[in-house]
């Protein structure tokens, strides 16, 4: 009897463990994400280098990339000397992991929770609504003023986010406004009135909206690259493997016909 109860409890816990991520995916699937600009090339070293510079200057004060080392930046065309001169502002060495000096205990006391490591953030945020890059691109451009929040900021993608808008001086201040729009229904001129929320720039920042969007696209491009640096090589190698298997299939078929031609 006790064993049966234990098995039922274990089964219930397993169902709950599966239901949690599925519920999270379902909720994210309802969020409309902006797509990364089509002209952002994940193999463009210039874009990746700009993204790395933005990350080190604006993000790395709180967010680490603790599964990557500085010398991995050689893959995007930077030399060790360039990394030392432009991307390392502490006593870290080029071969060290890209960690931050902030202790998790202090971060939890100051912010309520330690800022997450961003090494694989572009992969973890992928959902039915879009890729992880789309999520990050929308999130970084979706901050708006919200006096009800402790930081004074909120986000259209991540509601009630605890992170303040670290780049507000560049982007400016946005507000979330609600507009009533008429959605056409049928072909008789009828329509349904719906409330639609949109972001409006209330105070311009140091950069024009197009410049800020490009800057965020480069940053997201870099984060996507860091989440899987070997992706380009993996895709290229996969193409060669499929080509090899295709040739092998043809040769195997010809050999099979040669062996069995006297039987059939």
C-alpha atoms as a PDB file:
ATOM      1  CA  UNK A   1       0.000   0.000   0.000  1.00  0.00           C
ATOM      2  CA  UNK A   2       2.755   2.417   0.984  1.00  0.00           C
ATOM      3  CA  UNK A   3       4.653   1.558  -2.212  1.00  0.00           C
ATOM      4  CA  UNK A   4       1.612   2.342  -4.353  1.00  0.00           C
ATOM      5  CA  UNK A   5       1.148   5.717  -2.666  1.00  0.00           C
ATOM      6  CA  UNK A   6       4.830   6.502  -3.175  1.00  0.00           C
ATOM      7  CA  UNK A   7       4.541   5.658  -6.873  1.00  0.00           C
ATOM      8  CA  UNK A   8       1.480   7.917  -7.242  1.00  0.00           C
ATOM      9  CA  UNK A   9       3.276  10.809  -5.567  1.00  0.00           C
ATOM     10  CA  UNK A  10       6.313  10.292  -7.788  1.00  0.00           C
ATOM     11  CA  UNK A  11       4.081  10.259 -10.861  1.00  0.00           C
ATOM     12  CA  UNK A  12       2.340  13.460  -9.759  1.00  0.00           C
ATOM     13  CA  UNK A  13       5.654  15.218  -9.202  1.00  0.00           C
ATOM     14  CA  UNK A  14       6.853  14.124 -12.634  1.00  0.00           C
ATOM     15  CA  UNK A  15       3.695  15.534 -14.228  1.00  0.00           C
ATOM     16  CA  UNK A  16       4.161  18.836 -12.412  1.00  0.00           C
ATOM     17  CA  UNK A  17       7.807  19.004 -13.487  1.00  0.00           C
ATOM     18  CA  UNK A  18       6.754  18.577 -17.110  1.00  0.00           C
ATOM     19  CA  UNK A  19       3.811  20.963 -16.834  1.00  0.00           C
ATOM     20  CA  UNK A  20       5.883  23.901 -15.536  1.00  0.00           C
ATOM     21  CA  UNK A  21       8.100  24.393 -18.612  1.00  0.00           C
ATOM     22  CA  UNK A  22       5.151  23.694 -20.921  1.00  0.00           C
ATOM     23  CA  UNK A  23       3.116  26.394 -19.177  1.00  0.00           C
ATOM     24  CA  UNK A  24       6.031  28.822 -19.480  1.00  0.00           C
ATOM     25  CA  UNK A  25       6.344  28.070 -23.201  1.00  0.00           C
ATOM     26  CA  UNK A  26       2.614  28.574 -23.663  1.00  0.00           C
ATOM     27  CA  UNK A  27       2.712  31.962 -21.940  1.00  0.00           C
ATOM     28  CA  UNK A  28       5.698  33.113 -24.009  1.00  0.00           C
ATOM     29  CA  UNK A  29       4.019  31.913 -27.185  1.00  0.00           C
ATOM     30  CA  UNK A  30       1.391  34.628 -26.667  1.00  0.00           C
ATOM     31  CA  UNK A  31       4.009  37.409 -26.736  1.00  0.00           C
ATOM     32  CA  UNK A  32       4.528  39.092 -30.103  1.00  0.00           C
ATOM     33  CA  UNK A  33       8.250  39.344 -30.731  1.00  0.00           C
ATOM     34  CA  UNK A  34      10.031  41.632 -33.154  1.00  0.00           C
ATOM     35  CA  UNK A  35      12.275  39.805 -35.596  1.00  0.00           C
ATOM     36  CA  UNK A  36      15.981  40.422 -35.728  1.00  0.00           C
ATOM     37  CA  UNK A  37      16.899  42.593 -38.741  1.00  0.00           C
ATOM     38  CA  UNK A  38      17.446  40.397 -41.787  1.00  0.00           C
ATOM     39  CA  UNK A  39      20.694  42.171 -42.665  1.00  0.00           C
ATOM     40  CA  UNK A  40      22.373  41.153 -39.375  1.00  0.00           C
ATOM     41  CA  UNK A  41      24.750  38.374 -40.342  1.00  0.00           C
ATOM     42  CA  UNK A  42      25.646  35.946 -37.520  1.00  0.00           C
ATOM     43  CA  UNK A  43      28.987  35.375 -39.259  1.00  0.00           C
ATOM     44  CA  UNK A  44      29.825  39.080 -39.641  1.00  0.00           C
ATOM     45  CA  UNK A  45      32.936  39.721 -37.486  1.00  0.00           C
ATOM     46  CA  UNK A  46      32.380  43.491 -37.476  1.00  0.00           C
ATOM     47  CA  UNK A  47      28.866  43.130 -36.032  1.00  0.00           C
ATOM     48  CA  UNK A  48      30.099  40.571 -33.493  1.00  0.00           C
ATOM     49  CA  UNK A  49      32.975  42.820 -32.428  1.00  0.00           C
ATOM     50  CA  UNK A  50      30.623  45.775 -31.958  1.00  0.00           C
ATOM     51  CA  UNK A  51      28.326  43.539 -29.922  1.00  0.00           C
ATOM     52  CA  UNK A  52      31.223  42.383 -27.755  1.00  0.00           C
ATOM     53  CA  UNK A  53      32.195  45.995 -27.095  1.00  0.00           C
ATOM     54  CA  UNK A  54      28.628  46.906 -26.101  1.00  0.00           C
ATOM     55  CA  UNK A  55      28.397  43.898 -23.806  1.00  0.00           C
ATOM     56  CA  UNK A  56      31.660  44.596 -21.989  1.00  0.00           C
ATOM     57  CA  UNK A  57      30.896  48.297 -21.577  1.00  0.00           C
ATOM     58  CA  UNK A  58      27.233  48.134 -20.556  1.00  0.00           C
ATOM     59  CA  UNK A  59      26.318  44.599 -19.439  1.00  0.00           C
ATOM     60  CA  UNK A  60      29.353  43.011 -17.853  1.00  0.00           C
ATOM     61  CA  UNK A  61      29.184  45.111 -14.722  1.00  0.00           C
ATOM     62  CA  UNK A  62      26.435  42.744 -13.544  1.00  0.00           C
ATOM     63  CA  UNK A  63      26.080  39.880 -16.030  1.00  0.00           C
ATOM     64  CA  UNK A  64      28.863  37.356 -16.510  1.00  0.00           C
ATOM     65  CA  UNK A  65      29.625  34.946 -19.335  1.00  0.00           C
ATOM     66  CA  UNK A  66      31.122  32.435 -16.976  1.00  0.00           C
ATOM     67  CA  UNK A  67      31.221  29.565 -19.485  1.00  0.00           C
ATOM     68  CA  UNK A  68      33.350  31.521 -21.974  1.00  0.00           C
ATOM     69  CA  UNK A  69      36.922  32.762 -21.918  1.00  0.00           C
ATOM     70  CA  UNK A  70      38.206  36.040 -23.295  1.00  0.00           C
ATOM     71  CA  UNK A  71      40.491  34.250 -25.754  1.00  0.00           C
ATOM     72  CA  UNK A  72      37.411  32.856 -27.505  1.00  0.00           C
ATOM     73  CA  UNK A  73      37.048  36.348 -28.974  1.00  0.00           C
ATOM     74  CA  UNK A  74      39.843  35.361 -31.342  1.00  0.00           C
ATOM     75  CA  UNK A  75      37.135  33.523 -33.280  1.00  0.00           C
ATOM     76  CA  UNK A  76      35.509  36.833 -34.226  1.00  0.00           C
ATOM     77  CA  UNK A  77      38.748  38.357 -35.501  1.00  0.00           C
ATOM     78  CA  UNK A  78      40.250  39.959 -32.395  1.00  0.00           C
ATOM     79  CA  UNK A  79      43.839  39.440 -31.294  1.00  0.00           C
ATOM     80  CA  UNK A  80      44.847  38.868 -27.683  1.00  0.00           C
ATOM     81  CA  UNK A  81      46.333  42.361 -27.586  1.00  0.00           C
ATOM     82  CA  UNK A  82      43.111  43.935 -28.868  1.00  0.00           C
ATOM     83  CA  UNK A  83      41.149  42.034 -26.230  1.00  0.00           C
ATOM     84  CA  UNK A  84      43.511  43.218 -23.481  1.00  0.00           C
ATOM     85  CA  UNK A  85      43.461  46.837 -24.650  1.00  0.00           C
ATOM     86  CA  UNK A  86      39.736  47.213 -25.393  1.00  0.00           C
ATOM     87  CA  UNK A  87      37.700  44.573 -23.593  1.00  0.00           C
ATOM     88  CA  UNK A  88      39.442  43.813 -20.295  1.00  0.00           C
ATOM     89  CA  UNK A  89      39.224  46.555 -17.664  1.00  0.00           C
ATOM     90  CA  UNK A  90      40.272  44.480 -14.656  1.00  0.00           C
ATOM     91  CA  UNK A  91      43.297  42.382 -13.809  1.00  0.00           C
ATOM     92  CA  UNK A  92      41.875  39.394 -15.705  1.00  0.00           C
ATOM     93  CA  UNK A  93      44.017  37.526 -18.202  1.00  0.00           C
ATOM     94  CA  UNK A  94      43.034  36.681 -21.755  1.00  0.00           C
ATOM     95  CA  UNK A  95      42.683  33.024 -20.830  1.00  0.00           C
ATOM     96  CA  UNK A  96      40.350  33.715 -17.887  1.00  0.00           C
ATOM     97  CA  UNK A  97      36.603  33.153 -17.813  1.00  0.00           C
ATOM     98  CA  UNK A  98      34.409  36.204 -18.473  1.00  0.00           C
ATOM     99  CA  UNK A  99      33.136  36.571 -14.920  1.00  0.00           C
ATOM    100  CA  UNK A 100      32.176  39.631 -12.875  1.00  0.00           C
ATOM    101  CA  UNK A 101      33.581  40.762  -9.550  1.00  0.00           C
ATOM    102  CA  UNK A 102      30.154  41.025  -7.922  1.00  0.00           C
ATOM    103  CA  UNK A 103      29.552  38.238  -5.402  1.00  0.00           C
ATOM    104  CA  UNK A 104      26.192  36.428  -5.740  1.00  0.00           C
ATOM    105  CA  UNK A 105      25.460  37.104  -2.054  1.00  0.00           C
ATOM    106  CA  UNK A 106      25.939  40.852  -2.508  1.00  0.00           C
ATOM    107  CA  UNK A 107      23.929  40.837  -5.742  1.00  0.00           C
ATOM    108  CA  UNK A 108      21.002  39.153  -4.026  1.00  0.00           C
ATOM    109  CA  UNK A 109      21.103  41.708  -1.210  1.00  0.00           C
ATOM    110  CA  UNK A 110      21.259  44.682  -3.595  1.00  0.00           C
ATOM    111  CA  UNK A 111      18.882  43.530  -6.354  1.00  0.00           C
ATOM    112  CA  UNK A 112      16.751  40.866  -4.682  1.00  0.00           C
ATOM    113  CA  UNK A 113      18.231  38.168  -6.962  1.00  0.00           C
ATOM    114  CA  UNK A 114      21.647  37.664  -8.575  1.00  0.00           C
ATOM    115  CA  UNK A 115      21.757  38.916 -12.192  1.00  0.00           C
ATOM    116  CA  UNK A 116      21.666  35.840 -14.454  1.00  0.00           C
ATOM    117  CA  UNK A 117      24.663  34.566 -16.364  1.00  0.00           C
ATOM    118  CA  UNK A 118      24.112  35.275 -20.065  1.00  0.00           C
ATOM    119  CA  UNK A 119      26.317  32.662 -21.715  1.00  0.00           C
ATOM    120  CA  UNK A 120      23.398  30.651 -23.108  1.00  0.00           C
ATOM    121  CA  UNK A 121      20.586  33.190 -22.714  1.00  0.00           C
ATOM    122  CA  UNK A 122      19.984  33.310 -26.484  1.00  0.00           C
ATOM    123  CA  UNK A 123      19.307  29.572 -26.522  1.00  0.00           C
ATOM    124  CA  UNK A 124      17.284  29.390 -23.320  1.00  0.00           C
ATOM    125  CA  UNK A 125      14.828  32.091 -24.455  1.00  0.00           C
ATOM    126  CA  UNK A 126      13.835  30.325 -27.656  1.00  0.00           C
ATOM    127  CA  UNK A 127      10.116  29.464 -27.744  1.00  0.00           C
ATOM    128  CA  UNK A 128       7.160  29.035 -30.024  1.00  0.00           C
ATOM    129  CA  UNK A 129       6.915  32.828 -30.315  1.00  0.00           C
ATOM    130  CA  UNK A 130      10.327  33.099 -31.945  1.00  0.00           C
ATOM    131  CA  UNK A 131      14.020  32.495 -31.552  1.00  0.00           C
ATOM    132  CA  UNK A 132      16.026  33.472 -28.500  1.00  0.00           C
ATOM    133  CA  UNK A 133      17.587  36.250 -30.571  1.00  0.00           C
ATOM    134  CA  UNK A 134      14.120  37.639 -31.351  1.00  0.00           C
ATOM    135  CA  UNK A 135      13.238  37.563 -27.650  1.00  0.00           C
ATOM    136  CA  UNK A 136      16.398  39.428 -26.645  1.00  0.00           C
ATOM    137  CA  UNK A 137      16.031  41.968 -29.458  1.00  0.00           C
ATOM    138  CA  UNK A 138      12.469  42.752 -28.380  1.00  0.00           C
ATOM    139  CA  UNK A 139      13.322  42.746 -24.675  1.00  0.00           C
ATOM    140  CA  UNK A 140      16.251  45.170 -24.967  1.00  0.00           C
ATOM    141  CA  UNK A 141      14.055  47.628 -26.883  1.00  0.00           C
ATOM    142  CA  UNK A 142      10.936  47.100 -24.766  1.00  0.00           C
ATOM    143  CA  UNK A 143      11.652  49.035 -21.562  1.00  0.00           C
ATOM    144  CA  UNK A 144       9.224  51.776 -20.569  1.00  0.00           C
ATOM    145  CA  UNK A 145       8.642  54.049 -17.607  1.00  0.00           C
ATOM    146  CA  UNK A 146       6.455  52.571 -14.864  1.00  0.00           C
ATOM    147  CA  UNK A 147       6.275  54.537 -11.573  1.00  0.00           C
ATOM    148  CA  UNK A 148       4.696  51.548  -9.822  1.00  0.00           C
ATOM    149  CA  UNK A 149       7.866  49.487 -10.135  1.00  0.00           C
ATOM    150  CA  UNK A 150      10.756  49.802  -7.607  1.00  0.00           C
ATOM    151  CA  UNK A 151      13.233  50.600 -10.381  1.00  0.00           C
ATOM    152  CA  UNK A 152      10.837  52.904 -12.230  1.00  0.00           C
ATOM    153  CA  UNK A 153      10.956  50.636 -15.295  1.00  0.00           C
ATOM    154  CA  UNK A 154       8.940  47.792 -16.768  1.00  0.00           C
ATOM    155  CA  UNK A 155       9.174  45.730 -19.950  1.00  0.00           C
ATOM    156  CA  UNK A 156       6.685  44.652 -22.589  1.00  0.00           C
ATOM    157  CA  UNK A 157       8.224  41.175 -22.948  1.00  0.00           C
ATOM    158  CA  UNK A 158       9.188  40.488 -19.328  1.00  0.00           C
ATOM    159  CA  UNK A 159       6.400  41.922 -17.196  1.00  0.00           C
ATOM    160  CA  UNK A 160       7.444  43.314 -13.790  1.00  0.00           C
ATOM    161  CA  UNK A 161      11.094  42.712 -14.571  1.00  0.00           C
ATOM    162  CA  UNK A 162      13.494  43.439 -11.729  1.00  0.00           C
ATOM    163  CA  UNK A 163      16.231  44.758 -14.017  1.00  0.00           C
ATOM    164  CA  UNK A 164      16.397  48.540 -14.501  1.00  0.00           C
ATOM    165  CA  UNK A 165      16.886  50.003 -17.958  1.00  0.00           C
ATOM    166  CA  UNK A 166      20.686  50.289 -18.012  1.00  0.00           C
ATOM    167  CA  UNK A 167      20.710  51.873 -21.491  1.00  0.00           C
ATOM    168  CA  UNK A 168      18.000  54.489 -21.016  1.00  0.00           C
ATOM    169  CA  UNK A 169      20.433  57.359 -21.600  1.00  0.00           C
ATOM    170  CA  UNK A 170      21.103  55.972 -25.067  1.00  0.00           C
ATOM    171  CA  UNK A 171      17.561  54.956 -26.020  1.00  0.00           C
ATOM    172  CA  UNK A 172      15.665  57.620 -24.124  1.00  0.00           C
ATOM    173  CA  UNK A 173      12.473  57.132 -22.121  1.00  0.00           C
ATOM    174  CA  UNK A 174       9.483  55.282 -23.516  1.00  0.00           C
ATOM    175  CA  UNK A 175       5.945  55.161 -22.191  1.00  0.00           C
ATOM    176  CA  UNK A 176       3.298  52.513 -22.810  1.00  0.00           C
ATOM    177  CA  UNK A 177       0.153  53.985 -24.328  1.00  0.00           C
ATOM    178  CA  UNK A 178      -3.159  52.313 -25.025  1.00  0.00           C
ATOM    179  CA  UNK A 179      -4.945  53.053 -28.289  1.00  0.00           C
ATOM    180  CA  UNK A 180      -8.334  51.899 -29.501  1.00  0.00           C
ATOM    181  CA  UNK A 181      -8.196  50.439 -33.007  1.00  0.00           C
ATOM    182  CA  UNK A 182     -10.957  49.061 -35.213  1.00  0.00           C
ATOM    183  CA  UNK A 183     -10.225  45.572 -36.505  1.00  0.00           C
ATOM    184  CA  UNK A 184     -12.171  44.841 -39.760  1.00  0.00           C
ATOM    185  CA  UNK A 185     -14.441  41.801 -39.588  1.00  0.00           C
ATOM    186  CA  UNK A 186     -15.978  40.336 -42.721  1.00  0.00           C
ATOM    187  CA  UNK A 187     -16.500  42.323 -45.882  1.00  0.00           C
ATOM    188  CA  UNK A 188     -19.435  44.560 -44.897  1.00  0.00           C
ATOM    189  CA  UNK A 189     -17.427  47.297 -43.272  1.00  0.00           C
ATOM    190  CA  UNK A 190     -18.066  45.983 -39.800  1.00  0.00           C
ATOM    191  CA  UNK A 191     -15.258  46.102 -37.278  1.00  0.00           C
ATOM    192  CA  UNK A 192     -14.369  45.217 -33.724  1.00  0.00           C
ATOM    193  CA  UNK A 193     -12.883  47.862 -31.466  1.00  0.00           C
ATOM    194  CA  UNK A 194      -9.875  46.624 -29.504  1.00  0.00           C
ATOM    195  CA  UNK A 195      -7.388  48.217 -27.153  1.00  0.00           C
ATOM    196  CA  UNK A 196      -3.820  48.007 -28.447  1.00  0.00           C
ATOM    197  CA  UNK A 197      -0.755  48.932 -26.402  1.00  0.00           C
ATOM    198  CA  UNK A 198       2.245  50.512 -28.070  1.00  0.00           C
ATOM    199  CA  UNK A 199       5.503  52.102 -26.964  1.00  0.00           C
ATOM    200  CA  UNK A 200       5.984  55.812 -27.548  1.00  0.00           C
ATOM    201  CA  UNK A 201       9.280  57.663 -27.127  1.00  0.00           C
ATOM    202  CA  UNK A 202       8.565  60.468 -24.658  1.00  0.00           C
ATOM    203  CA  UNK A 203      12.139  61.678 -24.067  1.00  0.00           C
ATOM    204  CA  UNK A 204      14.778  61.135 -26.754  1.00  0.00           C
ATOM    205  CA  UNK A 205      18.119  59.668 -25.757  1.00  0.00           C
ATOM    206  CA  UNK A 206      21.647  60.191 -27.009  1.00  0.00           C
ATOM    207  CA  UNK A 207      21.033  57.889 -29.987  1.00  0.00           C
ATOM    208  CA  UNK A 208      18.398  57.966 -32.703  1.00  0.00           C
ATOM    209  CA  UNK A 209      15.926  55.049 -32.600  1.00  0.00           C
ATOM    210  CA  UNK A 210      17.460  53.452 -35.699  1.00  0.00           C
ATOM    211  CA  UNK A 211      20.964  53.734 -34.221  1.00  0.00           C
ATOM    212  CA  UNK A 212      19.864  52.208 -30.932  1.00  0.00           C
ATOM    213  CA  UNK A 213      18.069  49.365 -32.711  1.00  0.00           C
ATOM    214  CA  UNK A 214      21.235  48.590 -34.695  1.00  0.00           C
ATOM    215  CA  UNK A 215      23.299  48.652 -31.534  1.00  0.00           C
ATOM    216  CA  UNK A 216      20.919  46.174 -29.870  1.00  0.00           C
ATOM    217  CA  UNK A 217      20.980  43.965 -32.974  1.00  0.00           C
ATOM    218  CA  UNK A 218      24.785  43.777 -32.765  1.00  0.00           C
ATOM    219  CA  UNK A 219      24.615  43.007 -29.045  1.00  0.00           C
ATOM    220  CA  UNK A 220      22.076  40.227 -29.599  1.00  0.00           C
ATOM    221  CA  UNK A 221      24.154  38.911 -32.483  1.00  0.00           C
ATOM    222  CA  UNK A 222      27.121  38.611 -30.112  1.00  0.00           C
ATOM    223  CA  UNK A 223      25.046  36.935 -27.383  1.00  0.00           C
ATOM    224  CA  UNK A 224      23.682  34.469 -29.936  1.00  0.00           C
ATOM    225  CA  UNK A 225      27.201  33.682 -31.069  1.00  0.00           C
ATOM    226  CA  UNK A 226      28.467  33.202 -27.502  1.00  0.00           C
ATOM    227  CA  UNK A 227      25.633  30.778 -26.741  1.00  0.00           C
ATOM    228  CA  UNK A 228      27.049  28.408 -29.355  1.00  0.00           C
ATOM    229  CA  UNK A 229      30.386  29.530 -30.862  1.00  0.00           C
ATOM    230  CA  UNK A 230      30.735  26.287 -32.830  1.00  0.00           C
ATOM    231  CA  UNK A 231      27.359  26.656 -34.571  1.00  0.00           C
ATOM    232  CA  UNK A 232      28.798  27.838 -37.893  1.00  0.00           C
ATOM    233  CA  UNK A 233      31.328  24.986 -37.947  1.00  0.00           C
ATOM    234  CA  UNK A 234      28.637  22.505 -36.875  1.00  0.00           C
ATOM    235  CA  UNK A 235      26.319  23.530 -39.714  1.00  0.00           C
ATOM    236  CA  UNK A 236      29.164  23.428 -42.239  1.00  0.00           C
ATOM    237  CA  UNK A 237      30.325  20.021 -41.008  1.00  0.00           C
ATOM    238  CA  UNK A 238      26.743  18.737 -41.089  1.00  0.00           C
ATOM    239  CA  UNK A 239      26.484  19.689 -44.781  1.00  0.00           C
ATOM    240  CA  UNK A 240      29.656  17.757 -45.577  1.00  0.00           C
ATOM    241  CA  UNK A 241      28.405  14.731 -43.608  1.00  0.00           C
ATOM    242  CA  UNK A 242      25.076  14.737 -45.459  1.00  0.00           C
ATOM    243  CA  UNK A 243      26.902  15.018 -48.785  1.00  0.00           C
ATOM    244  CA  UNK A 244      29.158  12.107 -47.824  1.00  0.00           C
ATOM    245  CA  UNK A 245      26.164   9.986 -46.784  1.00  0.00           C
ATOM    246  CA  UNK A 246      24.428  10.779 -50.067  1.00  0.00           C
ATOM    247  CA  UNK A 247      27.437   9.610 -52.075  1.00  0.00           C
ATOM    248  CA  UNK A 248      27.763   6.550 -49.829  1.00  0.00           C
ATOM    249  CA  UNK A 249      24.091   5.717 -50.433  1.00  0.00           C
ATOM    250  CA  UNK A 250      24.570   5.801 -54.206  1.00  0.00           C
ATOM    251  CA  UNK A 251      27.710   3.634 -54.031  1.00  0.00           C
ATOM    252  CA  UNK A 252      26.007   1.183 -51.665  1.00  0.00           C
ATOM    253  CA  UNK A 253      23.067   0.890 -54.033  1.00  0.00           C
ATOM    254  CA  UNK A 254      25.360   0.218 -57.001  1.00  0.00           C
ATOM    255  CA  UNK A 255      27.338  -2.397 -55.049  1.00  0.00           C
ATOM    256  CA  UNK A 256      24.103  -4.070 -53.944  1.00  0.00           C
ATOM    257  CA  UNK A 257      22.952  -4.302 -57.572  1.00  0.00           C
ATOM    258  CA  UNK A 258      26.303  -5.752 -58.605  1.00  0.00           C
ATOM    259  CA  UNK A 259      26.205  -8.463 -55.917  1.00  0.00           C
ATOM    260  CA  UNK A 260      22.595  -9.462 -56.591  1.00  0.00           C
ATOM    261  CA  UNK A 261      22.430  -9.173 -60.382  1.00  0.00           C
ATOM    262  CA  UNK A 262      22.879 -12.921 -60.895  1.00  0.00           C
ATOM    263  CA  UNK A 263      20.176 -13.823 -58.372  1.00  0.00           C
ATOM    264  CA  UNK A 264      17.295 -11.615 -59.452  1.00  0.00           C
END
